[in-house]
Amino acid sequence: MTDHPAAAAAAAALIRDLAGATRDPRDAYGSPADVASVTESLRELARHLEDALKHLARHVDHRDDWATTDAAQPPRYASGKIRSANAQARNTARALEQAVEALDRLRPAP
């Protein structure tokens, strides 16, 4: 057994903490560069999430020793759902890239 479930839970907790710390826009960030930096990091996270989901779907596809409790939804159904999440992560990464590009054009007001 790997420690991947624990690592994923820890990553989720860090993102949850980031979301909580940035809830109030009046004191969350000091400059557009700070927002761009965090957005860039989230873009990287989305890319890594995309990769992880791709690997998970492949893992499910290559397991022929797993059974299902619902004959109408074989293991391939689960990998299809993971692939859908993978596509959404890819779209999120693209959207965050566009956000970073827009944020890079902002400067603090004089």
PDB file of N, CA and C in Angstrom:
ATOM      1  N   MET A   1       0.843  -1.187   0.000  1.00  0.00           N
ATOM      2  CA  MET A   1       0.000   0.000   0.000  1.00  0.00           C
ATOM      3  C   MET A   1       0.881   1.240   0.000  1.00  0.00           C
ATOM      4  N   THR A   2       0.535   2.199  -0.810  1.00  0.00           N
ATOM      5  CA  THR A   2       1.303   3.429  -0.903  1.00  0.00           C
ATOM      6  C   THR A   2       0.756   4.471   0.066  1.00  0.00           C
ATOM      7  N   ASP A   3       1.492   5.545   0.201  1.00  0.00           N
ATOM      8  CA  ASP A   3       1.018   6.654   1.026  1.00  0.00           C
ATOM      9  C   ASP A   3       0.344   7.726   0.166  1.00  0.00           C
ATOM     10  N   HIS A   4      -0.023   7.385  -1.077  1.00  0.00           N
ATOM     11  CA  HIS A   4      -0.654   8.349  -1.973  1.00  0.00           C
ATOM     12  C   HIS A   4      -1.972   8.898  -1.433  1.00  0.00           C
ATOM     13  N   PRO A   5      -2.840   8.074  -0.841  1.00  0.00           N
ATOM     14  CA  PRO A   5      -4.070   8.654  -0.279  1.00  0.00           C
ATOM     15  C   PRO A   5      -3.780   9.715   0.789  1.00  0.00           C
ATOM     16  N   ALA A   6      -2.806   9.466   1.632  1.00  0.00           N
ATOM     17  CA  ALA A   6      -2.456  10.443   2.669  1.00  0.00           C
ATOM     18  C   ALA A   6      -1.853  11.701   2.053  1.00  0.00           C
ATOM     19  N   ALA A   7      -1.025  11.540   1.034  1.00  0.00           N
ATOM     20  CA  ALA A   7      -0.423  12.700   0.370  1.00  0.00           C
ATOM     21  C   ALA A   7      -1.498  13.541  -0.314  1.00  0.00           C
ATOM     22  N   ALA A   8      -2.452  12.892  -0.960  1.00  0.00           N
ATOM     23  CA  ALA A   8      -3.540  13.624  -1.617  1.00  0.00           C
ATOM     24  C   ALA A   8      -4.385  14.366  -0.581  1.00  0.00           C
ATOM     25  N   ALA A   9      -4.637  13.732   0.557  1.00  0.00           N
ATOM     26  CA  ALA A   9      -5.408  14.390   1.620  1.00  0.00           C
ATOM     27  C   ALA A   9      -4.655  15.595   2.175  1.00  0.00           C
ATOM     28  N   ALA A  10      -3.342  15.477   2.321  1.00  0.00           N
ATOM     29  CA  ALA A  10      -2.535  16.596   2.816  1.00  0.00           C
ATOM     30  C   ALA A  10      -2.548  17.754   1.822  1.00  0.00           C
ATOM     31  N   ALA A  11      -2.451  17.439   0.534  1.00  0.00           N
ATOM     32  CA  ALA A  11      -2.503  18.490  -0.493  1.00  0.00           C
ATOM     33  C   ALA A  11      -3.854  19.196  -0.469  1.00  0.00           C
ATOM     34  N   ALA A  12      -4.926  18.427  -0.321  1.00  0.00           N
ATOM     35  CA  ALA A  12      -6.258  19.025  -0.254  1.00  0.00           C
ATOM     36  C   ALA A  12      -6.380  19.940   0.966  1.00  0.00           C
ATOM     37  N   ALA A  13      -5.801  19.533   2.069  1.00  0.00           N
ATOM     38  CA  ALA A  13      -5.846  20.362   3.283  1.00  0.00           C
ATOM     39  C   ALA A  13      -5.092  21.674   3.076  1.00  0.00           C
ATOM     40  N   LEU A  14      -3.964  21.626   2.389  1.00  0.00           N
ATOM     41  CA  LEU A  14      -3.208  22.853   2.115  1.00  0.00           C
ATOM     42  C   LEU A  14      -4.004  23.809   1.236  1.00  0.00           C
ATOM     43  N   ILE A  15      -4.661  23.285   0.222  1.00  0.00           N
ATOM     44  CA  ILE A  15      -5.473  24.127  -0.660  1.00  0.00           C
ATOM     45  C   ILE A  15      -6.659  24.700   0.110  1.00  0.00           C
ATOM     46  N   ARG A  16      -7.264  23.893   0.965  1.00  0.00           N
ATOM     47  CA  ARG A  16      -8.374  24.378   1.792  1.00  0.00           C
ATOM     48  C   ARG A  16      -7.890  25.527   2.683  1.00  0.00           C
ATOM     49  N   ASP A  17      -6.692  25.394   3.272  1.00  0.00           N
ATOM     50  CA  ASP A  17      -6.136  26.459   4.101  1.00  0.00           C
ATOM     51  C   ASP A  17      -5.862  27.720   3.283  1.00  0.00           C
ATOM     52  N   LEU A  18      -5.360  27.542   2.057  1.00  0.00           N
ATOM     53  CA  LEU A  18      -5.119  28.689   1.177  1.00  0.00           C
ATOM     54  C   LEU A  18      -6.429  29.405   0.876  1.00  0.00           C
ATOM     55  N   ALA A  19      -7.458  28.635   0.570  1.00  0.00           N
ATOM     56  CA  ALA A  19      -8.759  29.239   0.280  1.00  0.00           C
ATOM     57  C   ALA A  19      -9.283  30.012   1.484  1.00  0.00           C
ATOM     58  N   GLY A  20      -9.115  29.463   2.662  1.00  0.00           N
ATOM     59  CA  GLY A  20      -9.569  30.149   3.871  1.00  0.00           C
ATOM     60  C   GLY A  20      -8.769  31.406   4.153  1.00  0.00           C
ATOM     61  N   ALA A  21      -7.475  31.361   3.918  1.00  0.00           N
ATOM     62  CA  ALA A  21      -6.607  32.507   4.200  1.00  0.00           C
ATOM     63  C   ALA A  21      -6.832  33.650   3.227  1.00  0.00           C
ATOM     64  N   THR A  22      -7.371  33.352   2.070  1.00  0.00           N
ATOM     65  CA  THR A  22      -7.558  34.392   1.052  1.00  0.00           C
ATOM     66  C   THR A  22      -9.018  34.793   0.896  1.00  0.00           C
ATOM     67  N   ARG A  23      -9.836  34.454   1.867  1.00  0.00           N
ATOM     68  CA  ARG A  23     -11.266  34.742   1.787  1.00  0.00           C
ATOM     69  C   ARG A  23     -11.558  36.247   1.756  1.00  0.00           C
ATOM     70  N   ASP A  24     -10.857  37.022   2.538  1.00  0.00           N
ATOM     71  CA  ASP A  24     -11.104  38.469   2.599  1.00  0.00           C
ATOM     72  C   ASP A  24     -10.163  39.186   1.633  1.00  0.00           C
ATOM     73  N   PRO A  25     -10.680  39.725   0.533  1.00  0.00           N
ATOM     74  CA  PRO A  25      -9.816  40.346  -0.477  1.00  0.00           C
ATOM     75  C   PRO A  25      -9.102  41.606  -0.003  1.00  0.00           C
ATOM     76  N   ARG A  26      -9.557  42.203   1.098  1.00  0.00           N
ATOM     77  CA  ARG A  26      -8.917  43.438   1.565  1.00  0.00           C
ATOM     78  C   ARG A  26      -7.534  43.204   2.148  1.00  0.00           C
ATOM     79  N   ASP A  27      -7.289  41.990   2.653  1.00  0.00           N
ATOM     80  CA  ASP A  27      -5.978  41.780   3.254  1.00  0.00           C
ATOM     81  C   ASP A  27      -5.294  40.488   2.789  1.00  0.00           C
ATOM     82  N   ALA A  28      -5.796  39.895   1.745  1.00  0.00           N
ATOM     83  CA  ALA A  28      -5.221  38.634   1.291  1.00  0.00           C
ATOM     84  C   ALA A  28      -3.943  38.839   0.488  1.00  0.00           C
ATOM     85  N   TYR A  29      -3.901  39.840  -0.352  1.00  0.00           N
ATOM     86  CA  TYR A  29      -2.758  40.036  -1.244  1.00  0.00           C
ATOM     87  C   TYR A  29      -2.351  41.504  -1.277  1.00  0.00           C
ATOM     88  N   GLY A  30      -1.051  41.726  -1.431  1.00  0.00           N
ATOM     89  CA  GLY A  30      -0.548  43.087  -1.456  1.00  0.00           C
ATOM     90  C   GLY A  30      -0.422  43.687  -2.843  1.00  0.00           C
ATOM     91  N   SER A  31      -0.391  42.839  -3.861  1.00  0.00           N
ATOM     92  CA  SER A  31      -0.179  43.363  -5.215  1.00  0.00           C
ATOM     93  C   SER A  31      -0.717  42.385  -6.252  1.00  0.00           C
ATOM     94  N   PRO A  32      -0.913  42.886  -7.480  1.00  0.00           N
ATOM     95  CA  PRO A  32      -1.311  41.987  -8.563  1.00  0.00           C
ATOM     96  C   PRO A  32      -0.278  40.870  -8.781  1.00  0.00           C
ATOM     97  N   ALA A  33       0.990  41.162  -8.516  1.00  0.00           N
ATOM     98  CA  ALA A  33       2.034  40.143  -8.681  1.00  0.00           C
ATOM     99  C   ALA A  33       1.826  38.986  -7.703  1.00  0.00           C
ATOM    100  N   ASP A  34       1.364  39.295  -6.487  1.00  0.00           N
ATOM    101  CA  ASP A  34       1.070  38.242  -5.517  1.00  0.00           C
ATOM    102  C   ASP A  34      -0.066  37.346  -6.014  1.00  0.00           C
ATOM    103  N   VAL A  35      -1.108  37.974  -6.550  1.00  0.00           N
ATOM    104  CA  VAL A  35      -2.240  37.212  -7.079  1.00  0.00           C
ATOM    105  C   VAL A  35      -1.778  36.360  -8.259  1.00  0.00           C
ATOM    106  N   ALA A  36      -0.966  36.949  -9.129  1.00  0.00           N
ATOM    107  CA  ALA A  36      -0.457  36.207 -10.285  1.00  0.00           C
ATOM    108  C   ALA A  36       0.396  35.023  -9.844  1.00  0.00           C
ATOM    109  N   SER A  37       1.198  35.216  -8.824  1.00  0.00           N
ATOM    110  CA  SER A  37       2.056  34.143  -8.332  1.00  0.00           C
ATOM    111  C   SER A  37       1.241  32.975  -7.788  1.00  0.00           C
ATOM    112  N   VAL A  38       0.230  33.269  -6.996  1.00  0.00           N
ATOM    113  CA  VAL A  38      -0.622  32.216  -6.452  1.00  0.00           C
ATOM    114  C   VAL A  38      -1.396  31.540  -7.583  1.00  0.00           C
ATOM    115  N   THR A  39      -1.885  32.333  -8.536  1.00  0.00           N
ATOM    116  CA  THR A  39      -2.625  31.770  -9.666  1.00  0.00           C
ATOM    117  C   THR A  39      -1.729  30.858 -10.491  1.00  0.00           C
ATOM    118  N   GLU A  40      -0.486  31.255 -10.697  1.00  0.00           N
ATOM    119  CA  GLU A  40       0.476  30.422 -11.423  1.00  0.00           C
ATOM    120  C   GLU A  40       0.708  29.099 -10.690  1.00  0.00           C
ATOM    121  N   SER A  41       0.820  29.161  -9.387  1.00  0.00           N
ATOM    122  CA  SER A  41       1.006  27.934  -8.612  1.00  0.00           C
ATOM    123  C   SER A  41      -0.220  27.030  -8.707  1.00  0.00           C
ATOM    124  N   LEU A  42      -1.395  27.618  -8.697  1.00  0.00           N
ATOM    125  CA  LEU A  42      -2.612  26.829  -8.852  1.00  0.00           C
ATOM    126  C   LEU A  42      -2.688  26.207 -10.249  1.00  0.00           C
ATOM    127  N   ARG A  43      -2.191  26.911 -11.254  1.00  0.00           N
ATOM    128  CA  ARG A  43      -2.129  26.364 -12.608  1.00  0.00           C
ATOM    129  C   ARG A  43      -1.229  25.127 -12.629  1.00  0.00           C
ATOM    130  N   GLU A  44      -0.089  25.239 -11.958  1.00  0.00           N
ATOM    131  CA  GLU A  44       0.814  24.080 -11.878  1.00  0.00           C
ATOM    132  C   GLU A  44       0.134  22.924 -11.146  1.00  0.00           C
ATOM    133  N   LEU A  45      -0.583  23.245 -10.102  1.00  0.00           N
ATOM    134  CA  LEU A  45      -1.324  22.220  -9.379  1.00  0.00           C
ATOM    135  C   LEU A  45      -2.325  21.541 -10.302  1.00  0.00           C
ATOM    136  N   ALA A  46      -3.035  22.314 -11.111  1.00  0.00           N
ATOM    137  CA  ALA A  46      -4.008  21.743 -12.048  1.00  0.00           C
ATOM    138  C   ALA A  46      -3.322  20.829 -13.057  1.00  0.00           C
ATOM    139  N   ARG A  47      -2.144  21.215 -13.507  1.00  0.00           N
ATOM    140  CA  ARG A  47      -1.404  20.359 -14.449  1.00  0.00           C
ATOM    141  C   ARG A  47      -0.991  19.045 -13.781  1.00  0.00           C
ATOM    142  N   HIS A  48      -0.546  19.121 -12.546  1.00  0.00           N
ATOM    143  CA  HIS A  48      -0.176  17.899 -11.830  1.00  0.00           C
ATOM    144  C   HIS A  48      -1.409  17.036 -11.553  1.00  0.00           C
ATOM    145  N   LEU A  49      -2.517  17.687 -11.240  1.00  0.00           N
ATOM    146  CA  LEU A  49      -3.764  16.961 -11.036  1.00  0.00           C
ATOM    147  C   LEU A  49      -4.165  16.246 -12.321  1.00  0.00           C
ATOM    148  N   GLU A  50      -4.021  16.928 -13.439  1.00  0.00           N
ATOM    149  CA  GLU A  50      -4.318  16.324 -14.736  1.00  0.00           C
ATOM    150  C   GLU A  50      -3.474  15.058 -14.950  1.00  0.00           C
ATOM    151  N   ASP A  51      -2.189  15.150 -14.676  1.00  0.00           N
ATOM    152  CA  ASP A  51      -1.302  13.991 -14.822  1.00  0.00           C
ATOM    153  C   ASP A  51      -1.714  12.850 -13.888  1.00  0.00           C
ATOM    154  N   ALA A  52      -1.998  13.185 -12.641  1.00  0.00           N
ATOM    155  CA  ALA A  52      -2.373  12.152 -11.674  1.00  0.00           C
ATOM    156  C   ALA A  52      -3.660  11.448 -12.096  1.00  0.00           C
ATOM    157  N   LEU A  53      -4.618  12.200 -12.580  1.00  0.00           N
ATOM    158  CA  LEU A  53      -5.879  11.603 -13.015  1.00  0.00           C
ATOM    159  C   LEU A  53      -5.669  10.706 -14.232  1.00  0.00           C
ATOM    160  N   LYS A  54      -4.794  11.121 -15.129  1.00  0.00           N
ATOM    161  CA  LYS A  54      -4.485  10.287 -16.295  1.00  0.00           C
ATOM    162  C   LYS A  54      -3.897   8.953 -15.844  1.00  0.00           C
ATOM    163  N   HIS A  55      -2.986   9.009 -14.877  1.00  0.00           N
ATOM    164  CA  HIS A  55      -2.371   7.788 -14.367  1.00  0.00           C
ATOM    165  C   HIS A  55      -3.384   6.906 -13.644  1.00  0.00           C
ATOM    166  N   LEU A  56      -4.275   7.519 -12.886  1.00  0.00           N
ATOM    167  CA  LEU A  56      -5.300   6.749 -12.179  1.00  0.00           C
ATOM    168  C   LEU A  56      -6.217   6.024 -13.159  1.00  0.00           C
ATOM    169  N   ALA A  57      -6.631   6.715 -14.222  1.00  0.00           N
ATOM    170  CA  ALA A  57      -7.500   6.086 -15.216  1.00  0.00           C
ATOM    171  C   ALA A  57      -6.792   4.907 -15.873  1.00  0.00           C
ATOM    172  N   ARG A  58      -5.523   5.087 -16.197  1.00  0.00           N
ATOM    173  CA  ARG A  58      -4.761   3.973 -16.784  1.00  0.00           C
ATOM    174  C   ARG A  58      -4.685   2.794 -15.821  1.00  0.00           C
ATOM    175  N   HIS A  59      -4.496   3.093 -14.544  1.00  0.00           N
ATOM    176  CA  HIS A  59      -4.412   2.032 -13.542  1.00  0.00           C
ATOM    177  C   HIS A  59      -5.703   1.220 -13.515  1.00  0.00           C
ATOM    178  N   VAL A  60      -6.834   1.905 -13.488  1.00  0.00           N
ATOM    179  CA  VAL A  60      -8.121   1.206 -13.464  1.00  0.00           C
ATOM    180  C   VAL A  60      -8.288   0.389 -14.745  1.00  0.00           C
ATOM    181  N   ASP A  61      -7.887   0.955 -15.888  1.00  0.00           N
ATOM    182  CA  ASP A  61      -8.018   0.246 -17.166  1.00  0.00           C
ATOM    183  C   ASP A  61      -7.207  -1.042 -17.207  1.00  0.00           C
ATOM    184  N   HIS A  62      -6.077  -1.060 -16.540  1.00  0.00           N
ATOM    185  CA  HIS A  62      -5.197  -2.222 -16.592  1.00  0.00           C
ATOM    186  C   HIS A  62      -5.466  -3.261 -15.503  1.00  0.00           C
ATOM    187  N   ARG A  63      -6.429  -3.016 -14.659  1.00  0.00           N
ATOM    188  CA  ARG A  63      -6.776  -3.983 -13.609  1.00  0.00           C
ATOM    189  C   ARG A  63      -7.905  -4.864 -14.123  1.00  0.00           C
ATOM    190  N   ASP A  64      -7.601  -6.083 -14.429  1.00  0.00           N
ATOM    191  CA  ASP A  64      -8.646  -6.997 -14.861  1.00  0.00           C
ATOM    192  C   ASP A  64      -9.115  -7.905 -13.721  1.00  0.00           C
ATOM    193  N   ASP A  65      -8.597  -7.669 -12.533  1.00  0.00           N
ATOM    194  CA  ASP A  65      -8.981  -8.490 -11.388  1.00  0.00           C
ATOM    195  C   ASP A  65      -9.921  -7.751 -10.436  1.00  0.00           C
ATOM    196  N   TRP A  66     -10.464  -6.616 -10.872  1.00  0.00           N
ATOM    197  CA  TRP A  66     -11.412  -5.885 -10.043  1.00  0.00           C
ATOM    198  C   TRP A  66     -12.829  -6.184 -10.494  1.00  0.00           C
ATOM    199  N   ALA A  67     -13.696  -6.397  -9.541  1.00  0.00           N
ATOM    200  CA  ALA A  67     -15.101  -6.660  -9.831  1.00  0.00           C
ATOM    201  C   ALA A  67     -15.901  -5.394  -9.525  1.00  0.00           C
ATOM    202  N   THR A  68     -17.154  -5.426  -9.870  1.00  0.00           N
ATOM    203  CA  THR A  68     -18.027  -4.292  -9.604  1.00  0.00           C
ATOM    204  C   THR A  68     -19.287  -4.775  -8.910  1.00  0.00           C
ATOM    205  N   THR A  69     -19.897  -3.901  -8.153  1.00  0.00           N
ATOM    206  CA  THR A  69     -21.145  -4.253  -7.484  1.00  0.00           C
ATOM    207  C   THR A  69     -22.339  -3.993  -8.388  1.00  0.00           C
ATOM    208  N   ASP A  70     -22.102  -3.356  -9.538  1.00  0.00           N
ATOM    209  CA  ASP A  70     -23.184  -3.015 -10.469  1.00  0.00           C
ATOM    210  C   ASP A  70     -22.748  -3.415 -11.871  1.00  0.00           C
ATOM    211  N   ALA A  71     -23.360  -4.443 -12.401  1.00  0.00           N
ATOM    212  CA  ALA A  71     -22.977  -4.952 -13.727  1.00  0.00           C
ATOM    213  C   ALA A  71     -23.158  -3.899 -14.820  1.00  0.00           C
ATOM    214  N   ALA A  72     -24.039  -2.944 -14.600  1.00  0.00           N
ATOM    215  CA  ALA A  72     -24.257  -1.892 -15.595  1.00  0.00           C
ATOM    216  C   ALA A  72     -23.116  -0.880 -15.616  1.00  0.00           C
ATOM    217  N   GLN A  73     -22.282  -0.905 -14.583  1.00  0.00           N
ATOM    218  CA  GLN A  73     -21.165   0.033 -14.500  1.00  0.00           C
ATOM    219  C   GLN A  73     -19.873  -0.735 -14.241  1.00  0.00           C
ATOM    220  N   PRO A  74     -19.281  -1.287 -15.295  1.00  0.00           N
ATOM    221  CA  PRO A  74     -18.028  -2.026 -15.125  1.00  0.00           C
ATOM    222  C   PRO A  74     -16.887  -1.093 -14.729  1.00  0.00           C
ATOM    223  N   PRO A  75     -15.731  -1.655 -14.359  1.00  0.00           N
ATOM    224  CA  PRO A  75     -14.595  -0.807 -13.979  1.00  0.00           C
ATOM    225  C   PRO A  75     -14.254   0.263 -15.020  1.00  0.00           C
ATOM    226  N   ARG A  76     -14.485  -0.035 -16.285  1.00  0.00           N
ATOM    227  CA  ARG A  76     -14.220   0.973 -17.335  1.00  0.00           C
ATOM    228  C   ARG A  76     -15.083   2.218 -17.142  1.00  0.00           C
ATOM    229  N   TYR A  77     -16.263   2.046 -16.578  1.00  0.00           N
ATOM    230  CA  TYR A  77     -17.122   3.195 -16.288  1.00  0.00           C
ATOM    231  C   TYR A  77     -16.404   4.144 -15.336  1.00  0.00           C
ATOM    232  N   ALA A  78     -15.761   3.588 -14.323  1.00  0.00           N
ATOM    233  CA  ALA A  78     -15.023   4.408 -13.362  1.00  0.00           C
ATOM    234  C   ALA A  78     -13.859   5.122 -14.039  1.00  0.00           C
ATOM    235  N   SER A  79     -13.141   4.418 -14.909  1.00  0.00           N
ATOM    236  CA  SER A  79     -12.022   5.077 -15.580  1.00  0.00           C
ATOM    237  C   SER A  79     -12.529   6.179 -16.500  1.00  0.00           C
ATOM    238  N   GLY A  80     -13.703   5.993 -17.078  1.00  0.00           N
ATOM    239  CA  GLY A  80     -14.292   7.045 -17.906  1.00  0.00           C
ATOM    240  C   GLY A  80     -14.605   8.293 -17.089  1.00  0.00           C
ATOM    241  N   LYS A  81     -15.106   8.088 -15.883  1.00  0.00           N
ATOM    242  CA  LYS A  81     -15.387   9.224 -14.996  1.00  0.00           C
ATOM    243  C   LYS A  81     -14.085   9.932 -14.598  1.00  0.00           C
ATOM    244  N   ILE A  82     -13.034   9.148 -14.367  1.00  0.00           N
ATOM    245  CA  ILE A  82     -11.733   9.752 -14.048  1.00  0.00           C
ATOM    246  C   ILE A  82     -11.224  10.545 -15.245  1.00  0.00           C
ATOM    247  N   ARG A  83     -11.408  10.009 -16.450  1.00  0.00           N
ATOM    248  CA  ARG A  83     -10.983  10.721 -17.667  1.00  0.00           C
ATOM    249  C   ARG A  83     -11.763  12.026 -17.843  1.00  0.00           C
ATOM    250  N   SER A  84     -13.034  12.026 -17.457  1.00  0.00           N
ATOM    251  CA  SER A  84     -13.820  13.266 -17.504  1.00  0.00           C
ATOM    252  C   SER A  84     -13.241  14.304 -16.547  1.00  0.00           C
ATOM    253  N   ALA A  85     -12.878  13.861 -15.354  1.00  0.00           N
ATOM    254  CA  ALA A  85     -12.247  14.766 -14.391  1.00  0.00           C
ATOM    255  C   ALA A  85     -10.902  15.264 -14.928  1.00  0.00           C
ATOM    256  N   ASN A  86     -10.177  14.384 -15.615  1.00  0.00           N
ATOM    257  CA  ASN A  86      -8.904  14.751 -16.233  1.00  0.00           C
ATOM    258  C   ASN A  86      -9.110  15.876 -17.242  1.00  0.00           C
ATOM    259  N   ALA A  87     -10.142  15.767 -18.072  1.00  0.00           N
ATOM    260  CA  ALA A  87     -10.434  16.798 -19.067  1.00  0.00           C
ATOM    261  C   ALA A  87     -10.784  18.123 -18.381  1.00  0.00           C
ATOM    262  N   GLN A  88     -11.521  18.041 -17.293  1.00  0.00           N
ATOM    263  CA  GLN A  88     -11.860  19.264 -16.559  1.00  0.00           C
ATOM    264  C   GLN A  88     -10.613  19.893 -15.944  1.00  0.00           C
ATOM    265  N   ALA A  89      -9.700  19.071 -15.446  1.00  0.00           N
ATOM    266  CA  ALA A  89      -8.442  19.599 -14.901  1.00  0.00           C
ATOM    267  C   ALA A  89      -7.638  20.273 -16.001  1.00  0.00           C
ATOM    268  N   ARG A  90      -7.626  19.684 -17.200  1.00  0.00           N
ATOM    269  CA  ARG A  90      -6.925  20.292 -18.340  1.00  0.00           C
ATOM    270  C   ARG A  90      -7.536  21.649 -18.680  1.00  0.00           C
ATOM    271  N   ASN A  91      -8.868  21.720 -18.685  1.00  0.00           N
ATOM    272  CA  ASN A  91      -9.540  22.988 -18.963  1.00  0.00           C
ATOM    273  C   ASN A  91      -9.249  24.013 -17.870  1.00  0.00           C
ATOM    274  N   THR A  92      -9.198  23.563 -16.637  1.00  0.00           N
ATOM    275  CA  THR A  92      -8.875  24.457 -15.530  1.00  0.00           C
ATOM    276  C   THR A  92      -7.467  25.008 -15.681  1.00  0.00           C
ATOM    277  N   ALA A  93      -6.525  24.148 -16.040  1.00  0.00           N
ATOM    278  CA  ALA A  93      -5.140  24.603 -16.238  1.00  0.00           C
ATOM    279  C   ALA A  93      -5.079  25.659 -17.345  1.00  0.00           C
ATOM    280  N   ARG A  94      -5.807  25.435 -18.421  1.00  0.00           N
ATOM    281  CA  ARG A  94      -5.827  26.412 -19.522  1.00  0.00           C
ATOM    282  C   ARG A  94      -6.436  27.740 -19.074  1.00  0.00           C
ATOM    283  N   ALA A  95      -7.543  27.656 -18.337  1.00  0.00           N
ATOM    284  CA  ALA A  95      -8.190  28.880 -17.858  1.00  0.00           C
ATOM    285  C   ALA A  95      -7.280  29.635 -16.896  1.00  0.00           C
ATOM    286  N   LEU A  96      -6.572  28.914 -16.039  1.00  0.00           N
ATOM    287  CA  LEU A  96      -5.647  29.572 -15.112  1.00  0.00           C
ATOM    288  C   LEU A  96      -4.481  30.208 -15.868  1.00  0.00           C
ATOM    289  N   GLU A  97      -4.035  29.577 -16.937  1.00  0.00           N
ATOM    290  CA  GLU A  97      -2.977  30.177 -17.765  1.00  0.00           C
ATOM    291  C   GLU A  97      -3.446  31.511 -18.334  1.00  0.00           C
ATOM    292  N   GLN A  98      -4.667  31.556 -18.808  1.00  0.00           N
ATOM    293  CA  GLN A  98      -5.224  32.809 -19.331  1.00  0.00           C
ATOM    294  C   GLN A  98      -5.355  33.846 -18.219  1.00  0.00           C
ATOM    295  N   ALA A  99      -5.731  33.415 -17.038  1.00  0.00           N
ATOM    296  CA  ALA A  99      -5.833  34.337 -15.908  1.00  0.00           C
ATOM    297  C   ALA A  99      -4.466  34.909 -15.551  1.00  0.00           C
ATOM    298  N   VAL A 100      -3.439  34.067 -15.553  1.00  0.00           N
ATOM    299  CA  VAL A 100      -2.087  34.543 -15.258  1.00  0.00           C
ATOM    300  C   VAL A 100      -1.658  35.574 -16.290  1.00  0.00           C
ATOM    301  N   GLU A 101      -1.944  35.315 -17.550  1.00  0.00           N
ATOM    302  CA  GLU A 101      -1.596  36.277 -18.603  1.00  0.00           C
ATOM    303  C   GLU A 101      -2.285  37.622 -18.371  1.00  0.00           C
ATOM    304  N   ALA A 102      -3.557  37.591 -17.986  1.00  0.00           N
ATOM    305  CA  ALA A 102      -4.285  38.830 -17.710  1.00  0.00           C
ATOM    306  C   ALA A 102      -3.734  39.515 -16.464  1.00  0.00           C
ATOM    307  N   LEU A 103      -3.419  38.745 -15.440  1.00  0.00           N
ATOM    308  CA  LEU A 103      -2.884  39.321 -14.201  1.00  0.00           C
ATOM    309  C   LEU A 103      -1.504  39.937 -14.415  1.00  0.00           C
ATOM    310  N   ASP A 104      -0.729  39.370 -15.323  1.00  0.00           N
ATOM    311  CA  ASP A 104       0.603  39.916 -15.592  1.00  0.00           C
ATOM    312  C   ASP A 104       0.538  41.323 -16.165  1.00  0.00           C
ATOM    313  N   ARG A 105      -0.610  41.707 -16.677  1.00  0.00           N
ATOM    314  CA  ARG A 105      -0.775  43.044 -17.242  1.00  0.00           C
ATOM    315  C   ARG A 105      -1.207  44.080 -16.204  1.00  0.00           C
ATOM    316  N   LEU A 106      -1.540  43.628 -14.999  1.00  0.00           N
ATOM    317  CA  LEU A 106      -1.991  44.550 -13.954  1.00  0.00           C
ATOM    318  C   LEU A 106      -0.802  45.097 -13.157  1.00  0.00           C
ATOM    319  N   ARG A 107      -0.966  46.306 -12.699  1.00  0.00           N
ATOM    320  CA  ARG A 107       0.035  46.956 -11.838  1.00  0.00           C
ATOM    321  C   ARG A 107      -0.714  47.654 -10.699  1.00  0.00           C
ATOM    322  N   PRO A 108      -0.063  47.829  -9.559  1.00  0.00           N
ATOM    323  CA  PRO A 108      -0.710  48.573  -8.473  1.00  0.00           C
ATOM    324  C   PRO A 108      -1.000  50.009  -8.909  1.00  0.00           C
ATOM    325  N   ALA A 109      -2.125  50.530  -8.461  1.00  0.00           N
ATOM    326  CA  ALA A 109      -2.468  51.920  -8.772  1.00  0.00           C
ATOM    327  C   ALA A 109      -1.532  52.855  -8.011  1.00  0.00           C
ATOM    328  N   PRO A 110      -1.175  53.969  -8.656  1.00  0.00           N
ATOM    329  CA  PRO A 110      -0.279  54.918  -7.959  1.00  0.00           C
ATOM    330  C   PRO A 110      -0.943  55.598  -6.786  1.00  0.00           C
TER     331      PRO A 110
END
